[in-house]
Amino acid sequence: MDEQELRKQAHDLDVTVWVGKGGLDPVVEELSDQLAERDLVKVKFLRAARGGTTVEELTEDLAGRVDAQVIETRGNTGVLYR
């Protein structure tokens, strides 16, 4: 499936993973489980999680931890694909 088609699918997805002040570590296992069940997962980064980094950097870091691909980042959300 090409990236444009994945972006279309991601548009209607609900956010199912929220990253808060605990950072990325607490959500890695949950995200991995969700990616095993479905191909696309939308992640929302709350202000407390961002600190001095960008949503793009956090999404890339999270994707590396769960062996996924970043499809897009928009605002405070990122979409991951496996």
C-alpha atoms as a PDB file:
ATOM      1  CA  MET A   1       0.000   0.000   0.000  1.00  0.00           C
ATOM      2  CA  ASP A   2       1.428   3.392  -0.925  1.00  0.00           C
ATOM      3  CA  GLU A   3       1.884   6.274   1.487  1.00  0.00           C
ATOM      4  CA  GLN A   4      -0.879   8.403  -0.044  1.00  0.00           C
ATOM      5  CA  GLU A   5      -3.428   5.613   0.442  1.00  0.00           C
ATOM      6  CA  LEU A   6      -2.262   5.139   4.043  1.00  0.00           C
ATOM      7  CA  ARG A   7      -2.705   8.866   4.696  1.00  0.00           C
ATOM      8  CA  LYS A   8      -6.269   8.672   3.380  1.00  0.00           C
ATOM      9  CA  GLN A   9      -6.995   5.777   5.742  1.00  0.00           C
ATOM     10  CA  ALA A  10      -5.365   7.596   8.654  1.00  0.00           C
ATOM     11  CA  HIS A  11      -7.567  10.647   8.168  1.00  0.00           C
ATOM     12  CA  ASP A  12     -10.609   8.897   9.666  1.00  0.00           C
ATOM     13  CA  LEU A  13      -8.738   7.087  12.431  1.00  0.00           C
ATOM     14  CA  ASP A  14      -9.354   7.949  16.048  1.00  0.00           C
ATOM     15  CA  VAL A  15      -6.407   8.552  18.358  1.00  0.00           C
ATOM     16  CA  THR A  16      -5.836   5.361  20.353  1.00  0.00           C
ATOM     17  CA  VAL A  17      -2.491   6.139  22.028  1.00  0.00           C
ATOM     18  CA  TRP A  18      -1.822   9.262  24.096  1.00  0.00           C
ATOM     19  CA  VAL A  19       1.709  10.189  25.149  1.00  0.00           C
ATOM     20  CA  GLY A  20       1.727  12.299  28.314  1.00  0.00           C
ATOM     21  CA  LYS A  21       4.172  13.509  30.916  1.00  0.00           C
ATOM     22  CA  GLY A  22       5.488   9.959  31.395  1.00  0.00           C
ATOM     23  CA  GLY A  23       7.069  10.172  27.952  1.00  0.00           C
ATOM     24  CA  LEU A  24       7.427   7.411  25.401  1.00  0.00           C
ATOM     25  CA  ASP A  25       8.446   4.493  27.632  1.00  0.00           C
ATOM     26  CA  PRO A  26       4.973   3.797  29.112  1.00  0.00           C
ATOM     27  CA  VAL A  27       3.276   3.578  25.688  1.00  0.00           C
ATOM     28  CA  VAL A  28       5.759   1.473  23.719  1.00  0.00           C
ATOM     29  CA  GLU A  29       4.241  -1.900  24.637  1.00  0.00           C
ATOM     30  CA  GLU A  30       0.660  -0.709  24.090  1.00  0.00           C
ATOM     31  CA  LEU A  31       1.550   0.787  20.714  1.00  0.00           C
ATOM     32  CA  SER A  32       3.321  -2.397  19.674  1.00  0.00           C
ATOM     33  CA  ASP A  33       0.248  -4.452  20.614  1.00  0.00           C
ATOM     34  CA  GLN A  34      -2.044  -2.138  18.660  1.00  0.00           C
ATOM     35  CA  LEU A  35       0.189  -2.261  15.583  1.00  0.00           C
ATOM     36  CA  ALA A  36       0.061  -6.059  15.732  1.00  0.00           C
ATOM     37  CA  GLU A  37      -3.746  -5.915  15.583  1.00  0.00           C
ATOM     38  CA  ARG A  38      -4.094  -3.226  12.913  1.00  0.00           C
ATOM     39  CA  ASP A  39      -1.769  -1.606  10.416  1.00  0.00           C
ATOM     40  CA  LEU A  40      -2.258   2.059  11.314  1.00  0.00           C
ATOM     41  CA  VAL A  41      -2.259   3.710  14.728  1.00  0.00           C
ATOM     42  CA  LYS A  42      -2.722   7.405  15.467  1.00  0.00           C
ATOM     43  CA  VAL A  43      -0.760   8.787  18.427  1.00  0.00           C
ATOM     44  CA  LYS A  44      -1.394  12.112  20.171  1.00  0.00           C
ATOM     45  CA  PHE A  45       1.427  13.884  21.996  1.00  0.00           C
ATOM     46  CA  LEU A  46       0.198  16.011  24.882  1.00  0.00           C
ATOM     47  CA  ARG A  47       2.039  19.232  25.702  1.00  0.00           C
ATOM     48  CA  ALA A  48       3.661  17.685  28.786  1.00  0.00           C
ATOM     49  CA  ALA A  49       5.255  14.977  26.622  1.00  0.00           C
ATOM     50  CA  ARG A  50       6.847  17.345  24.152  1.00  0.00           C
ATOM     51  CA  GLY A  51       9.176  19.215  26.484  1.00  0.00           C
ATOM     52  CA  GLY A  52      11.901  20.677  24.279  1.00  0.00           C
ATOM     53  CA  THR A  53      11.350  18.346  21.326  1.00  0.00           C
ATOM     54  CA  THR A  54       9.067  18.405  18.319  1.00  0.00           C
ATOM     55  CA  VAL A  55       6.215  16.066  17.488  1.00  0.00           C
ATOM     56  CA  GLU A  56       8.201  14.897  14.457  1.00  0.00           C
ATOM     57  CA  GLU A  57      11.195  13.922  16.613  1.00  0.00           C
ATOM     58  CA  LEU A  58       8.986  12.122  19.138  1.00  0.00           C
ATOM     59  CA  THR A  59       7.125  10.256  16.395  1.00  0.00           C
ATOM     60  CA  GLU A  60      10.389   9.122  14.769  1.00  0.00           C
ATOM     61  CA  ASP A  61      11.741   7.981  18.150  1.00  0.00           C
ATOM     62  CA  LEU A  62       8.564   6.053  18.916  1.00  0.00           C
ATOM     63  CA  ALA A  63       8.535   4.466  15.446  1.00  0.00           C
ATOM     64  CA  GLY A  64      12.099   3.264  15.958  1.00  0.00           C
ATOM     65  CA  ARG A  65      11.185   1.650  19.269  1.00  0.00           C
ATOM     66  CA  VAL A  66       8.291  -0.362  17.790  1.00  0.00           C
ATOM     67  CA  ASP A  67       9.806  -1.039  14.356  1.00  0.00           C
ATOM     68  CA  ALA A  68       7.198   1.003  12.509  1.00  0.00           C
ATOM     69  CA  GLN A  69       7.139   3.614   9.767  1.00  0.00           C
ATOM     70  CA  VAL A  70       5.991   7.202  10.222  1.00  0.00           C
ATOM     71  CA  ILE A  71       3.233   7.940   7.720  1.00  0.00           C
ATOM     72  CA  GLU A  72       2.641  11.534   8.748  1.00  0.00           C
ATOM     73  CA  THR A  73       2.698  14.039  11.553  1.00  0.00           C
ATOM     74  CA  ARG A  74       0.158  16.804  11.760  1.00  0.00           C
ATOM     75  CA  GLY A  75      -0.242  19.177  14.659  1.00  0.00           C
ATOM     76  CA  ASN A  76       0.214  17.155  17.846  1.00  0.00           C
ATOM     77  CA  THR A  77      -0.471  13.771  16.268  1.00  0.00           C
ATOM     78  CA  GLY A  78       1.542  11.182  14.424  1.00  0.00           C
ATOM     79  CA  VAL A  79       0.462   8.167  12.390  1.00  0.00           C
ATOM     80  CA  LEU A  80       2.499   4.978  12.498  1.00  0.00           C
ATOM     81  CA  TYR A  81       2.316   1.955  10.159  1.00  0.00           C
ATOM     82  CA  ARG A  82       3.659  -1.562  10.457  1.00  0.00           C
END
